Amino acid sequence: MKIEILGSGCAKCKSVEKLVRNIVEELGIQADIVKVEDLQEIVNRGIMMTPAVFIDGEAKIVGRVPTADELKKLLR
C-alpha cells in the first residue's frame, strides 16, 4: 500500500502525517508513506486545498484533517 500526504508543510499537513503514521503502526499495516510538498505536483494532481491523502494513487481525503476512525476505515 502506498500512502501519500500532500501538503506544503503547514501544521494541518504535519498533523495528518503524524496521524497516518500512528494509524499504520497501530494497525500493523505494511505501507510506504510519502510526503509530497512540491506545490506543482500537488496542483498537477488537481488538489487546490491541502492537506490531502492519497491511497494507492487515489484521493481519499482533501482539504481537511481526517479523524482517526475515518483513517482506520480507509486503511483496512
PDB file of N, CA and C in Angstrom:
ATOM      1  N   MET A   1       0.844  -1.170   0.000  1.00  0.00           N
ATOM      2  CA  MET A   1       0.000   0.000   0.000  1.00  0.00           C
ATOM      3  C   MET A   1       0.897   1.244   0.000  1.00  0.00           C
ATOM      4  N   LYS A   2       0.526   2.205  -0.812  1.00  0.00           N
ATOM      5  CA  LYS A   2       1.268   3.468  -0.856  1.00  0.00           C
ATOM      6  C   LYS A   2       0.335   4.587  -0.376  1.00  0.00           C
ATOM      7  N   ILE A   3       0.777   5.294   0.639  1.00  0.00           N
ATOM      8  CA  ILE A   3       0.013   6.407   1.188  1.00  0.00           C
ATOM      9  C   ILE A   3       0.820   7.675   0.958  1.00  0.00           C
ATOM     10  N   GLU A   4       0.187   8.639   0.291  1.00  0.00           N
ATOM     11  CA  GLU A   4       0.847   9.916   0.040  1.00  0.00           C
ATOM     12  C   GLU A   4       0.095  11.014   0.777  1.00  0.00           C
ATOM     13  N   ILE A   5       0.857  11.856   1.457  1.00  0.00           N
ATOM     14  CA  ILE A   5       0.292  13.002   2.153  1.00  0.00           C
ATOM     15  C   ILE A   5       0.762  14.239   1.410  1.00  0.00           C
ATOM     16  N   LEU A   6      -0.189  14.952   0.815  1.00  0.00           N
ATOM     17  CA  LEU A   6       0.135  16.134   0.024  1.00  0.00           C
ATOM     18  C   LEU A   6      -0.107  17.375   0.859  1.00  0.00           C
ATOM     19  N   GLY A   7       0.902  18.235   0.922  1.00  0.00           N
ATOM     20  CA  GLY A   7       0.766  19.482   1.666  1.00  0.00           C
ATOM     21  C   GLY A   7       2.077  20.226   1.719  1.00  0.00           C
ATOM     22  N   SER A   8       1.961  21.497   1.983  1.00  0.00           N
ATOM     23  CA  SER A   8       3.129  22.384   1.950  1.00  0.00           C
ATOM     24  C   SER A   8       3.987  22.318   3.206  1.00  0.00           C
ATOM     25  N   GLY A   9       3.521  21.625   4.223  1.00  0.00           N
ATOM     26  CA  GLY A   9       4.284  21.556   5.465  1.00  0.00           C
ATOM     27  C   GLY A   9       3.656  22.382   6.574  1.00  0.00           C
ATOM     28  N   CYS A  10       2.408  22.789   6.380  1.00  0.00           N
ATOM     29  CA  CYS A  10       1.695  23.562   7.401  1.00  0.00           C
ATOM     30  C   CYS A  10       1.370  22.655   8.597  1.00  0.00           C
ATOM     31  N   ALA A  11       0.846  23.234   9.652  1.00  0.00           N
ATOM     32  CA  ALA A  11       0.529  22.483  10.865  1.00  0.00           C
ATOM     33  C   ALA A  11      -0.482  21.367  10.598  1.00  0.00           C
ATOM     34  N   LYS A  12      -1.498  21.641   9.776  1.00  0.00           N
ATOM     35  CA  LYS A  12      -2.502  20.617   9.468  1.00  0.00           C
ATOM     36  C   LYS A  12      -1.873  19.464   8.699  1.00  0.00           C
ATOM     37  N   CYS A  13      -0.989  19.782   7.767  1.00  0.00           N
ATOM     38  CA  CYS A  13      -0.329  18.741   6.976  1.00  0.00           C
ATOM     39  C   CYS A  13       0.543  17.857   7.867  1.00  0.00           C
ATOM     40  N   LYS A  14       1.261  18.470   8.779  1.00  0.00           N
ATOM     41  CA  LYS A  14       2.103  17.710   9.710  1.00  0.00           C
ATOM     42  C   LYS A  14       1.245  16.848  10.625  1.00  0.00           C
ATOM     43  N   SER A  15       0.098  17.373  11.031  1.00  0.00           N
ATOM     44  CA  SER A  15      -0.831  16.634  11.877  1.00  0.00           C
ATOM     45  C   SER A  15      -1.341  15.386  11.159  1.00  0.00           C
ATOM     46  N   VAL A  16      -1.686  15.533   9.878  1.00  0.00           N
ATOM     47  CA  VAL A  16      -2.167  14.395   9.086  1.00  0.00           C
ATOM     48  C   VAL A  16      -1.058  13.353   8.937  1.00  0.00           C
ATOM     49  N   GLU A  17       0.147  13.791   8.669  1.00  0.00           N
ATOM     50  CA  GLU A  17       1.260  12.848   8.520  1.00  0.00           C
ATOM     51  C   GLU A  17       1.464  12.053   9.805  1.00  0.00           C
ATOM     52  N   LYS A  18       1.455  12.730  10.924  1.00  0.00           N
ATOM     53  CA  LYS A  18       1.642  12.060  12.213  1.00  0.00           C
ATOM     54  C   LYS A  18       0.505  11.067  12.467  1.00  0.00           C
ATOM     55  N   LEU A  19      -0.720  11.476  12.184  1.00  0.00           N
ATOM     56  CA  LEU A  19      -1.879  10.616  12.376  1.00  0.00           C
ATOM     57  C   LEU A  19      -1.795   9.377  11.488  1.00  0.00           C
ATOM     58  N   VAL A  20      -1.445   9.565  10.227  1.00  0.00           N
ATOM     59  CA  VAL A  20      -1.315   8.426   9.297  1.00  0.00           C
ATOM     60  C   VAL A  20      -0.258   7.454   9.810  1.00  0.00           C
ATOM     61  N   ARG A  21       0.880   7.971  10.208  1.00  0.00           N
ATOM     62  CA  ARG A  21       1.959   7.100  10.698  1.00  0.00           C
ATOM     63  C   ARG A  21       1.518   6.320  11.935  1.00  0.00           C
ATOM     64  N   ASN A  22       0.814   6.993  12.848  1.00  0.00           N
ATOM     65  CA  ASN A  22       0.343   6.322  14.069  1.00  0.00           C
ATOM     66  C   ASN A  22      -0.673   5.221  13.753  1.00  0.00           C
ATOM     67  N   ILE A  23      -1.604   5.491  12.846  1.00  0.00           N
ATOM     68  CA  ILE A  23      -2.631   4.513  12.494  1.00  0.00           C
ATOM     69  C   ILE A  23      -2.011   3.312  11.775  1.00  0.00           C
ATOM     70  N   VAL A  24      -1.087   3.567  10.864  1.00  0.00           N
ATOM     71  CA  VAL A  24      -0.403   2.479  10.148  1.00  0.00           C
ATOM     72  C   VAL A  24       0.311   1.572  11.149  1.00  0.00           C
ATOM     73  N   GLU A  25       0.990   2.177  12.106  1.00  0.00           N
ATOM     74  CA  GLU A  25       1.695   1.391  13.122  1.00  0.00           C
ATOM     75  C   GLU A  25       0.700   0.629  14.003  1.00  0.00           C
ATOM     76  N   GLU A  26      -0.350   1.305  14.419  1.00  0.00           N
ATOM     77  CA  GLU A  26      -1.350   0.685  15.290  1.00  0.00           C
ATOM     78  C   GLU A  26      -2.010  -0.521  14.617  1.00  0.00           C
ATOM     79  N   LEU A  27      -2.321  -0.399  13.333  1.00  0.00           N
ATOM     80  CA  LEU A  27      -2.986  -1.482  12.611  1.00  0.00           C
ATOM     81  C   LEU A  27      -2.017  -2.533  12.087  1.00  0.00           C
ATOM     82  N   GLY A  28      -0.722  -2.243  12.176  1.00  0.00           N
ATOM     83  CA  GLY A  28       0.286  -3.195  11.709  1.00  0.00           C
ATOM     84  C   GLY A  28       0.300  -3.364  10.201  1.00  0.00           C
ATOM     85  N   ILE A  29       0.014  -2.278   9.483  1.00  0.00           N
ATOM     86  CA  ILE A  29      -0.068  -2.305   8.027  1.00  0.00           C
ATOM     87  C   ILE A  29       1.316  -2.070   7.423  1.00  0.00           C
ATOM     88  N   GLN A  30       1.610  -2.808   6.360  1.00  0.00           N
ATOM     89  CA  GLN A  30       2.822  -2.544   5.594  1.00  0.00           C
ATOM     90  C   GLN A  30       2.471  -1.467   4.575  1.00  0.00           C
ATOM     91  N   ALA A  31       3.069  -0.303   4.715  1.00  0.00           N
ATOM     92  CA  ALA A  31       2.746   0.801   3.806  1.00  0.00           C
ATOM     93  C   ALA A  31       3.968   1.680   3.597  1.00  0.00           C
ATOM     94  N   ASP A  32       4.078   2.186   2.371  1.00  0.00           N
ATOM     95  CA  ASP A  32       5.067   3.210   2.075  1.00  0.00           C
ATOM     96  C   ASP A  32       4.360   4.538   2.267  1.00  0.00           C
ATOM     97  N   ILE A  33       4.880   5.362   3.172  1.00  0.00           N
ATOM     98  CA  ILE A  33       4.283   6.670   3.442  1.00  0.00           C
ATOM     99  C   ILE A  33       5.194   7.729   2.838  1.00  0.00           C
ATOM    100  N   VAL A  34       4.620   8.522   1.930  1.00  0.00           N
ATOM    101  CA  VAL A  34       5.390   9.529   1.200  1.00  0.00           C
ATOM    102  C   VAL A  34       4.779  10.892   1.459  1.00  0.00           C
ATOM    103  N   LYS A  35       5.627  11.861   1.786  1.00  0.00           N
ATOM    104  CA  LYS A  35       5.184  13.242   1.972  1.00  0.00           C
ATOM    105  C   LYS A  35       5.483  14.000   0.688  1.00  0.00           C
ATOM    106  N   VAL A  36       4.459  14.574   0.070  1.00  0.00           N
ATOM    107  CA  VAL A  36       4.613  15.337  -1.167  1.00  0.00           C
ATOM    108  C   VAL A  36       4.425  16.811  -0.838  1.00  0.00           C
ATOM    109  N   GLU A  37       5.513  17.581  -0.946  1.00  0.00           N
ATOM    110  CA  GLU A  37       5.465  19.002  -0.613  1.00  0.00           C
ATOM    111  C   GLU A  37       5.624  19.906  -1.835  1.00  0.00           C
ATOM    112  N   ASP A  38       5.928  19.318  -2.987  1.00  0.00           N
ATOM    113  CA  ASP A  38       6.125  20.098  -4.205  1.00  0.00           C
ATOM    114  C   ASP A  38       4.789  20.662  -4.677  1.00  0.00           C
ATOM    115  N   LEU A  39       4.642  21.975  -4.631  1.00  0.00           N
ATOM    116  CA  LEU A  39       3.367  22.608  -4.958  1.00  0.00           C
ATOM    117  C   LEU A  39       2.924  22.336  -6.390  1.00  0.00           C
ATOM    118  N   GLN A  40       3.852  22.269  -7.323  1.00  0.00           N
ATOM    119  CA  GLN A  40       3.487  21.999  -8.711  1.00  0.00           C
ATOM    120  C   GLN A  40       2.895  20.598  -8.851  1.00  0.00           C
ATOM    121  N   GLU A  41       3.495  19.634  -8.175  1.00  0.00           N
ATOM    122  CA  GLU A  41       2.962  18.266  -8.233  1.00  0.00           C
ATOM    123  C   GLU A  41       1.578  18.195  -7.587  1.00  0.00           C
ATOM    124  N   ILE A  42       1.396  18.902  -6.482  1.00  0.00           N
ATOM    125  CA  ILE A  42       0.096  18.927  -5.804  1.00  0.00           C
ATOM    126  C   ILE A  42      -0.969  19.498  -6.736  1.00  0.00           C
ATOM    127  N   VAL A  43      -0.665  20.612  -7.383  1.00  0.00           N
ATOM    128  CA  VAL A  43      -1.611  21.241  -8.316  1.00  0.00           C
ATOM    129  C   VAL A  43      -1.862  20.331  -9.521  1.00  0.00           C
ATOM    130  N   ASN A  44      -0.811  19.686 -10.022  1.00  0.00           N
ATOM    131  CA  ASN A  44      -0.956  18.784 -11.168  1.00  0.00           C
ATOM    132  C   ASN A  44      -1.910  17.627 -10.876  1.00  0.00           C
ATOM    133  N   ARG A  45      -2.041  17.283  -9.621  1.00  0.00           N
ATOM    134  CA  ARG A  45      -2.970  16.215  -9.232  1.00  0.00           C
ATOM    135  C   ARG A  45      -4.388  16.742  -9.008  1.00  0.00           C
ATOM    136  N   GLY A  46      -4.572  18.029  -9.219  1.00  0.00           N
ATOM    137  CA  GLY A  46      -5.905  18.608  -9.096  1.00  0.00           C
ATOM    138  C   GLY A  46      -6.279  19.005  -7.680  1.00  0.00           C
ATOM    139  N   ILE A  47      -5.304  19.071  -6.799  1.00  0.00           N
ATOM    140  CA  ILE A  47      -5.566  19.422  -5.403  1.00  0.00           C
ATOM    141  C   ILE A  47      -5.383  20.928  -5.223  1.00  0.00           C
ATOM    142  N   MET A  48      -6.443  21.572  -4.764  1.00  0.00           N
ATOM    143  CA  MET A  48      -6.400  23.020  -4.536  1.00  0.00           C
ATOM    144  C   MET A  48      -6.378  23.362  -3.045  1.00  0.00           C
ATOM    145  N   MET A  49      -6.754  22.399  -2.214  1.00  0.00           N
ATOM    146  CA  MET A  49      -6.720  22.596  -0.762  1.00  0.00           C
ATOM    147  C   MET A  49      -5.979  21.430  -0.126  1.00  0.00           C
ATOM    148  N   THR A  50      -5.055  21.752   0.766  1.00  0.00           N
ATOM    149  CA  THR A  50      -4.318  20.712   1.482  1.00  0.00           C
ATOM    150  C   THR A  50      -4.723  20.768   2.947  1.00  0.00           C
ATOM    151  N   PRO A  51      -4.479  19.730   3.679  1.00  0.00           N
ATOM    152  CA  PRO A  51      -3.795  18.506   3.302  1.00  0.00           C
ATOM    153  C   PRO A  51      -4.685  17.587   2.478  1.00  0.00           C
ATOM    154  N   ALA A  52      -4.024  16.670   1.783  1.00  0.00           N
ATOM    155  CA  ALA A  52      -4.733  15.638   1.024  1.00  0.00           C
ATOM    156  C   ALA A  52      -4.039  14.306   1.278  1.00  0.00           C
ATOM    157  N   VAL A  53      -4.846  13.248   1.287  1.00  0.00           N
ATOM    158  CA  VAL A  53      -4.307  11.905   1.473  1.00  0.00           C
ATOM    159  C   VAL A  53      -4.695  11.067   0.264  1.00  0.00           C
ATOM    160  N   PHE A  54      -3.684  10.501  -0.378  1.00  0.00           N
ATOM    161  CA  PHE A  54      -3.882   9.583  -1.500  1.00  0.00           C
ATOM    162  C   PHE A  54      -3.511   8.192  -1.021  1.00  0.00           C
ATOM    163  N   ILE A  55      -4.350   7.222  -1.351  1.00  0.00           N
ATOM    164  CA  ILE A  55      -4.048   5.833  -1.033  1.00  0.00           C
ATOM    165  C   ILE A  55      -4.023   5.069  -2.358  1.00  0.00           C
ATOM    166  N   ASP A  56      -2.866   4.498  -2.639  1.00  0.00           N
ATOM    167  CA  ASP A  56      -2.646   3.771  -3.902  1.00  0.00           C
ATOM    168  C   ASP A  56      -3.068   4.608  -5.106  1.00  0.00           C
ATOM    169  N   GLY A  57      -2.679   5.895  -5.097  1.00  0.00           N
ATOM    170  CA  GLY A  57      -2.899   6.769  -6.240  1.00  0.00           C
ATOM    171  C   GLY A  57      -4.260   7.425  -6.327  1.00  0.00           C
ATOM    172  N   GLU A  58      -5.141   7.163  -5.374  1.00  0.00           N
ATOM    173  CA  GLU A  58      -6.494   7.717  -5.407  1.00  0.00           C
ATOM    174  C   GLU A  58      -6.712   8.689  -4.243  1.00  0.00           C
ATOM    175  N   ALA A  59      -7.232   9.880  -4.543  1.00  0.00           N
ATOM    176  CA  ALA A  59      -7.506  10.876  -3.497  1.00  0.00           C
ATOM    177  C   ALA A  59      -8.623  10.374  -2.607  1.00  0.00           C
ATOM    178  N   LYS A  60      -8.358  10.293  -1.314  1.00  0.00           N
ATOM    179  CA  LYS A  60      -9.354   9.825  -0.348  1.00  0.00           C
ATOM    180  C   LYS A  60      -9.829  10.947   0.566  1.00  0.00           C
ATOM    181  N   ILE A  61      -8.934  11.868   0.890  1.00  0.00           N
ATOM    182  CA  ILE A  61      -9.261  12.989   1.779  1.00  0.00           C
ATOM    183  C   ILE A  61      -8.602  14.227   1.194  1.00  0.00           C
ATOM    184  N   VAL A  62      -9.377  15.314   1.082  1.00  0.00           N
ATOM    185  CA  VAL A  62      -8.836  16.546   0.511  1.00  0.00           C
ATOM    186  C   VAL A  62      -9.316  17.743   1.325  1.00  0.00           C
ATOM    187  N   GLY A  63      -8.356  18.597   1.724  1.00  0.00           N
ATOM    188  CA  GLY A  63      -8.684  19.875   2.328  1.00  0.00           C
ATOM    189  C   GLY A  63      -9.056  19.858   3.793  1.00  0.00           C
ATOM    190  N   ARG A  64      -8.789  18.738   4.468  1.00  0.00           N
ATOM    191  CA  ARG A  64      -9.138  18.679   5.891  1.00  0.00           C
ATOM    192  C   ARG A  64      -8.327  17.604   6.593  1.00  0.00           C
ATOM    193  N   VAL A  65      -8.361  17.657   7.918  1.00  0.00           N
ATOM    194  CA  VAL A  65      -7.696  16.647   8.743  1.00  0.00           C
ATOM    195  C   VAL A  65      -8.738  15.578   9.079  1.00  0.00           C
ATOM    196  N   PRO A  66      -8.486  14.333   8.707  1.00  0.00           N
ATOM    197  CA  PRO A  66      -9.450  13.274   8.997  1.00  0.00           C
ATOM    198  C   PRO A  66      -9.403  12.862  10.470  1.00  0.00           C
ATOM    199  N   THR A  67     -10.451  12.182  10.905  1.00  0.00           N
ATOM    200  CA  THR A  67     -10.431  11.610  12.253  1.00  0.00           C
ATOM    201  C   THR A  67      -9.658  10.303  12.208  1.00  0.00           C
ATOM    202  N   ALA A  68      -9.248   9.836  13.373  1.00  0.00           N
ATOM    203  CA  ALA A  68      -8.533   8.565  13.451  1.00  0.00           C
ATOM    204  C   ALA A  68      -9.424   7.426  12.964  1.00  0.00           C
ATOM    205  N   ASP A  69     -10.701   7.443  13.346  1.00  0.00           N
ATOM    206  CA  ASP A  69     -11.623   6.389  12.909  1.00  0.00           C
ATOM    207  C   ASP A  69     -11.788   6.376  11.402  1.00  0.00           C
ATOM    208  N   GLU A  70     -11.881   7.556  10.800  1.00  0.00           N
ATOM    209  CA  GLU A  70     -12.020   7.648   9.346  1.00  0.00           C
ATOM    210  C   GLU A  70     -10.811   7.044   8.641  1.00  0.00           C
ATOM    211  N   LEU A  71      -9.626   7.370   9.149  1.00  0.00           N
ATOM    212  CA  LEU A  71      -8.403   6.824   8.542  1.00  0.00           C
ATOM    213  C   LEU A  71      -8.350   5.311   8.701  1.00  0.00           C
ATOM    214  N   LYS A  72      -8.732   4.812   9.860  1.00  0.00           N
ATOM    215  CA  LYS A  72      -8.705   3.361  10.083  1.00  0.00           C
ATOM    216  C   LYS A  72      -9.607   2.659   9.067  1.00  0.00           C
ATOM    217  N   LYS A  73     -10.782   3.203   8.825  1.00  0.00           N
ATOM    218  CA  LYS A  73     -11.697   2.595   7.849  1.00  0.00           C
ATOM    219  C   LYS A  73     -11.090   2.593   6.451  1.00  0.00           C
ATOM    220  N   LEU A  74     -10.420   3.674   6.083  1.00  0.00           N
ATOM    221  CA  LEU A  74      -9.818   3.752   4.753  1.00  0.00           C
ATOM    222  C   LEU A  74      -8.637   2.794   4.585  1.00  0.00           C
ATOM    223  N   LEU A  75      -7.926   2.543   5.666  1.00  0.00           N
ATOM    224  CA  LEU A  75      -6.708   1.748   5.583  1.00  0.00           C
ATOM    225  C   LEU A  75      -6.941   0.254   5.783  1.00  0.00           C
ATOM    226  N   ARG A  76      -8.108  -0.113   6.246  1.00  0.00           N
ATOM    227  CA  ARG A  76      -8.385  -1.544   6.459  1.00  0.00           C
ATOM    228  C   ARG A  76      -8.685  -2.232   5.170  1.00  0.00           C
TER     229      ARG A  76
END
